[in-house]
Protein backbone atom coordinates (compact mmCIF):
# COMPACT_ATOMS: atom_id res chain seq x y z
CA MET A 1 84.90 91.62 135.13
CA ALA A 2 83.73 92.31 131.55
CA THR A 3 86.77 94.30 130.38
CA LEU A 4 90.52 93.88 130.66
CA THR A 5 93.52 95.97 129.62
CA LEU A 6 96.82 94.11 129.64
CA SER A 7 100.36 94.51 128.35
CA ALA A 8 102.07 92.17 125.92
CA PRO A 9 105.77 92.39 126.80
CA ALA A 10 108.78 92.22 124.50
CA LYS A 11 111.49 89.61 124.96
CA LEU A 12 115.17 89.46 124.13
CA ASN A 13 117.25 86.42 123.31
CA LEU A 14 120.36 87.12 125.38
CA PHE A 15 121.99 84.30 123.43
CA LEU A 16 120.70 81.97 120.71
CA HIS A 17 122.37 78.68 119.83
CA ILE A 18 121.05 76.56 116.97
CA LEU A 19 121.73 72.91 117.75
CA GLY A 20 120.41 71.32 114.57
CA LYS A 21 117.42 70.85 112.30
CA ARG A 22 114.62 68.52 113.31
CA SER A 23 112.66 66.10 111.15
CA ASP A 24 109.57 68.33 111.46
CA GLY A 25 111.42 71.25 109.86
CA TYR A 26 111.95 73.20 113.09
CA HIS A 27 115.35 73.73 114.73
CA ASP A 28 116.44 72.65 118.18
CA LEU A 29 117.62 75.70 120.09
CA GLN A 30 119.22 76.78 123.30
CA THR A 31 118.43 80.33 124.36
CA TYR A 32 117.68 82.61 127.27
CA PHE A 33 114.45 84.59 127.05
CA GLN A 34 114.72 87.89 128.90
CA LEU A 35 111.34 89.54 129.37
CA LEU A 36 111.17 93.35 129.31
CA ASP A 37 108.91 95.81 131.14
CA TYR A 38 107.81 97.33 127.82
CA GLY A 39 105.39 96.13 125.15
CA ASP A 40 102.13 96.45 123.29
CA GLN A 41 98.86 97.10 125.10
CA LEU A 42 95.67 95.16 124.45
CA SER A 43 92.13 95.82 125.65
CA PHE A 44 89.37 93.20 125.76
CA SER A 45 85.62 93.69 126.23
CA LEU A 46 83.06 90.89 126.34
CA SER A 47 80.81 90.80 123.29
CA ASP A 48 78.47 88.46 121.41
CA SER A 49 80.92 88.29 118.51
CA LEU A 50 84.65 88.58 117.88
CA SER A 51 86.23 91.76 116.48
CA LEU A 52 89.76 93.14 116.23
CA SER A 53 91.04 96.68 115.72
CA GLY A 54 94.36 98.53 115.85
CA CYS A 55 96.33 96.27 113.51
CA PRO A 56 96.66 98.07 110.15
CA GLY A 57 98.64 96.35 107.45
CA VAL A 58 97.82 92.80 108.56
CA ALA A 59 94.76 90.93 107.32
CA THR A 60 92.53 90.07 110.28
CA GLU A 61 92.47 86.35 109.45
CA GLU A 62 96.29 86.26 109.43
CA ASN A 63 96.75 88.23 112.65
CA LEU A 64 98.04 86.12 115.53
CA VAL A 65 95.66 87.84 117.97
CA TRP A 66 92.67 86.87 115.85
CA ARG A 67 93.98 83.36 115.30
CA ALA A 68 94.57 82.92 119.04
CA ALA A 69 91.05 84.07 119.88
CA ARG A 70 89.50 81.82 117.25
CA ALA A 71 91.60 78.84 118.37
CA LEU A 72 90.44 79.33 121.96
CA GLN A 73 86.82 79.61 120.83
CA LYS A 74 87.10 76.38 118.85
CA HIS A 75 88.97 74.53 121.60
CA SER A 76 86.34 75.42 124.21
CA ASN A 77 83.29 75.27 121.93
CA GLY A 78 82.71 78.79 123.18
CA LYS A 79 79.79 80.99 122.21
CA LEU A 80 81.13 84.23 123.68
CA GLY A 81 83.08 86.84 121.74
CA ALA A 82 85.13 89.91 122.52
CA GLU A 83 86.05 93.30 121.14
CA ILE A 84 89.87 93.36 121.03
CA HIS A 85 91.93 96.47 120.44
CA VAL A 86 95.71 96.41 120.03
CA GLU A 87 97.91 99.45 120.67
CA LYS A 88 101.14 98.56 118.89
CA LYS A 89 104.45 99.78 120.25
CA LEU A 90 106.70 96.89 119.20
CA PRO A 91 107.99 96.67 115.61
CA MET A 92 106.92 93.81 113.37
CA GLY A 93 109.65 91.40 112.30
CA GLY A 94 111.89 92.60 115.11
CA GLY A 95 112.74 89.33 116.85
CA ILE A 96 111.28 90.59 120.13
CA GLY A 97 108.14 88.47 120.08
CA GLY A 98 105.58 91.20 119.40
CA GLY A 99 102.98 89.11 117.57
CA SER A 100 103.53 86.06 119.77
CA SER A 101 103.27 88.14 122.92
CA ASP A 102 100.03 89.74 121.69
CA ALA A 103 98.61 86.28 120.97
CA ALA A 104 99.69 84.93 124.37
CA THR A 105 98.10 87.88 126.17
CA THR A 106 94.93 87.21 124.16
CA LEU A 107 94.82 83.59 125.30
CA LEU A 108 95.38 84.59 128.93
CA ALA A 109 92.80 87.38 128.83
CA LEU A 110 90.03 85.47 127.07
CA ASN A 111 90.59 82.37 129.21
CA HIS A 112 89.79 84.66 132.14
CA LEU A 113 86.96 86.69 130.58
CA TRP A 114 85.24 83.60 129.19
CA GLN A 115 85.79 81.75 132.49
CA LEU A 116 87.26 78.73 130.71
CA ARG A 117 89.68 77.84 133.54
CA LEU A 118 92.23 76.25 131.19
CA THR A 119 95.58 75.60 132.86
CA THR A 120 98.83 77.26 131.83
CA ASP A 121 99.98 74.00 130.23
CA GLU A 122 96.74 73.70 128.27
CA LEU A 123 97.11 77.26 127.02
CA CYS A 124 100.72 76.55 126.04
CA GLN A 125 99.71 73.52 124.00
CA LEU A 126 97.17 75.66 122.21
CA GLY A 127 99.68 78.46 121.76
CA LEU A 128 102.35 76.19 120.29
CA ARG A 129 100.10 75.58 117.30
CA LEU A 130 100.38 79.29 116.56
CA GLY A 131 104.09 79.82 117.21
CA ALA A 132 107.09 78.54 119.15
CA ASP A 133 107.48 81.79 121.14
CA LEU A 134 104.03 81.75 122.74
CA PRO A 135 104.88 79.50 125.75
CA ILE A 136 107.42 81.94 127.22
CA PHE A 137 104.77 84.68 127.29
CA ILE A 138 102.06 82.35 128.61
CA HIS A 139 104.29 81.07 131.43
CA GLY A 140 105.44 84.64 132.04
CA HIS A 141 108.89 84.19 133.59
CA SER A 142 112.30 84.89 132.05
CA SER A 143 113.71 81.46 131.30
CA LEU A 144 116.36 79.26 129.83
CA ALA A 145 114.78 77.46 126.87
CA HIS A 146 115.46 74.34 124.82
CA GLY A 147 113.64 72.43 122.08
CA ILE A 148 112.01 74.87 119.68
CA GLY A 149 111.77 77.30 122.59
CA GLU A 150 108.93 75.59 124.44
CA GLN A 151 110.99 73.69 127.07
CA LEU A 152 111.35 76.36 129.72
CA LYS A 153 113.33 76.55 132.95
CA PRO A 154 112.62 79.80 134.87
CA MET A 155 115.89 81.52 135.71
CA SER A 156 116.44 84.96 137.22
CA LEU A 157 119.30 87.28 136.33
CA PRO A 158 120.54 90.48 138.00
CA PRO A 159 118.56 93.60 136.96
CA LYS A 160 119.71 95.16 133.70
CA ALA A 161 118.61 98.03 131.48
CA PHE A 162 118.53 97.67 127.70
CA LEU A 163 118.50 99.84 124.62
CA VAL A 164 116.51 98.15 121.83
CA ALA A 165 116.89 99.67 118.36
CA TRP A 166 115.78 98.83 114.84
CA GLY A 167 115.83 100.13 111.30
CA PRO A 168 113.41 99.79 108.37
CA ASP A 169 114.02 96.06 107.80
CA GLN A 170 111.52 93.38 108.80
CA VAL A 171 113.27 90.01 109.00
CA SER A 172 111.42 86.79 108.20
CA THR A 173 112.21 84.12 110.78
CA ALA A 174 111.33 81.38 108.30
CA HIS A 175 113.66 82.84 105.68
CA ILE A 176 116.62 82.94 108.08
CA PHE A 177 116.08 79.43 109.45
CA GLN A 178 115.70 78.02 105.93
CA HIS A 179 118.70 79.87 104.50
CA PRO A 180 121.43 77.49 103.25
CA ASP A 181 124.18 79.67 104.75
CA LEU A 182 122.85 79.47 108.31
CA THR A 183 125.50 77.86 110.50
CA HIS A 184 125.86 77.20 114.21
CA GLN A 185 128.69 77.07 116.71
CA GLY A 186 127.07 74.77 119.26
CA LEU A 187 126.77 75.11 123.03
CA ALA A 188 128.81 77.30 125.32
CA ARG A 189 130.49 75.39 128.13
CA THR A 190 128.19 76.88 130.77
CA ILE A 191 124.99 78.93 130.83
CA ALA A 192 126.87 81.75 132.56
CA ALA A 193 129.39 81.77 129.71
CA ALA A 194 126.59 81.71 127.13
CA ILE A 195 124.92 84.75 128.70
CA GLU A 196 128.24 86.59 129.03
CA GLN A 197 129.23 85.88 125.41
CA GLY A 198 125.75 86.67 124.09
CA HIS A 199 126.37 84.77 120.85
CA ASN A 200 123.52 84.57 118.35
CA ASP A 201 123.99 82.00 115.58
CA CYS A 202 121.72 84.04 113.28
CA GLN A 203 123.56 87.34 113.66
CA ALA A 204 126.29 86.94 111.02
CA LEU A 205 123.82 85.84 108.34
CA VAL A 206 121.27 88.55 109.16
CA ALA A 207 123.99 91.22 109.15
CA ARG A 208 125.15 90.04 105.72
CA LEU A 209 121.63 90.03 104.26
CA TYR A 210 120.51 93.34 105.83
CA PRO A 211 123.12 96.14 105.63
CA ASN A 212 121.05 98.47 107.83
CA ILE A 213 121.20 95.93 110.65
CA ALA A 214 124.93 95.46 110.11
CA LYS A 215 125.38 99.23 110.38
CA LEU A 216 123.31 99.36 113.58
CA LEU A 217 125.42 96.62 115.16
CA SER A 218 128.54 98.58 114.23
CA LEU A 219 127.16 101.85 115.62
CA LEU A 220 126.28 100.30 118.97
CA GLY A 221 129.62 98.57 119.39
CA PRO A 222 130.90 95.09 120.28
CA LYS A 223 128.42 94.47 123.12
CA ALA A 224 125.40 94.94 120.84
CA ARG A 225 123.58 91.77 119.80
CA LEU A 226 120.81 90.72 117.47
CA THR A 227 117.75 89.31 119.25
CA GLY A 228 116.10 86.25 117.73
CA THR A 229 116.40 86.41 113.97
CA GLY A 230 116.19 90.24 114.05
CA GLY A 231 115.82 92.90 113.03
CA CYS A 232 116.05 94.46 116.52
CA VAL A 233 119.46 94.94 118.09
CA PHE A 234 119.90 95.34 121.83
CA LEU A 235 122.62 96.81 124.00
CA PRO A 236 122.91 96.14 127.76
CA CYS A 237 123.32 99.40 129.67
CA SER A 238 124.01 100.49 133.23
CA ASN A 239 120.66 102.24 133.53
CA LEU A 240 117.76 103.60 131.50
CA GLN A 241 119.26 107.07 131.21
CA GLN A 242 122.43 105.71 129.64
CA ALA A 243 120.31 103.64 127.24
CA GLU A 244 118.24 106.72 126.34
CA ASP A 245 121.34 108.84 125.74
CA ILE A 246 122.87 106.26 123.40
CA GLY A 247 119.61 105.80 121.52
CA ARG A 248 119.28 109.53 120.88
CA GLN A 249 122.68 109.56 119.21
CA LEU A 250 121.60 107.07 116.53
CA PRO A 251 120.90 108.32 112.99
CA SER A 252 117.25 109.15 112.27
CA LEU A 253 116.95 105.95 110.19
CA TYR A 254 116.74 104.00 113.46
CA LYS A 255 114.03 103.92 116.10
CA PHE A 256 114.49 102.72 119.64
CA PHE A 257 112.99 102.15 123.07
CA VAL A 258 114.56 101.58 126.47
CA ALA A 259 113.41 99.03 129.04
CA ASN A 260 114.41 97.09 132.10
CA GLY A 261 114.66 93.33 132.14
CA THR A 262 112.13 91.71 134.46
CA ASP A 263 111.88 88.22 135.91
CA ARG A 264 108.08 88.23 135.82
CA SER A 265 106.01 89.27 132.81
CA ILE A 266 104.31 92.64 133.19
CA CYS A 267 101.15 90.97 131.87
CA HIS A 268 101.22 88.49 134.75
CA GLN A 269 102.00 91.25 137.22
CA GLN A 270 98.89 93.08 136.02
CA PHE A 271 96.80 89.92 136.33
CA ALA A 272 97.97 89.51 139.91
CA GLY A 273 96.62 92.96 140.69
CA PHE A 274 92.98 92.08 140.09
CA LEU A 275 92.70 88.29 140.51
């Protein structure tokens, strides 16, 4: 197969606990990654060289898709290339893993197209050099996570629909994690309690720094939560129609999409259809 079209799903952090700062500058975390059945779409065609389109506003050399493809080329001493096109649906700086998911899908797709036969663990090690969120998308199962987000324990939850909304603000993960006012409350007593409480240690700081996000949290009510370091806010709903109805009531400043949580990544589901 010389061409592939695959999704790059969004994720939510149903809770996010910051346990402390590490000597390497990263933070130890506890979180639950909930994959969604909605995301960007990427197409790949074998070529003699590497090219990337569909990513305006980001220099090619800085784009995670490009960096993932180049890293895989270098790791495998590969001579093949690919034409890669990205159809963006997920907002940048939203805390829903858009860039990381695109990069993970790129590693999975090119590993297949180039017939490299690298294992999932090998791809994760390569992906970790690009970002801490890549392993969840490479493994492709909603999971409890520790470490910097790379220690994953697959864990299924009952089906749930979500409204995901955002305003004009792009939030820098590095800025939030390096901010002197970032605090943490530690672990919940149980994972079930952590999921039920949905506490995000970054939410109070992000809401203070970004008034539009604070307003969105207020508009969506007490069950709304920041995902990751923001700026997307999510609200669990009974079904997609309820999520759609709530989203349409938001002021025009805010955009939104609705999606179902899924145990298995839609990218991996698509792979299973033709492997």
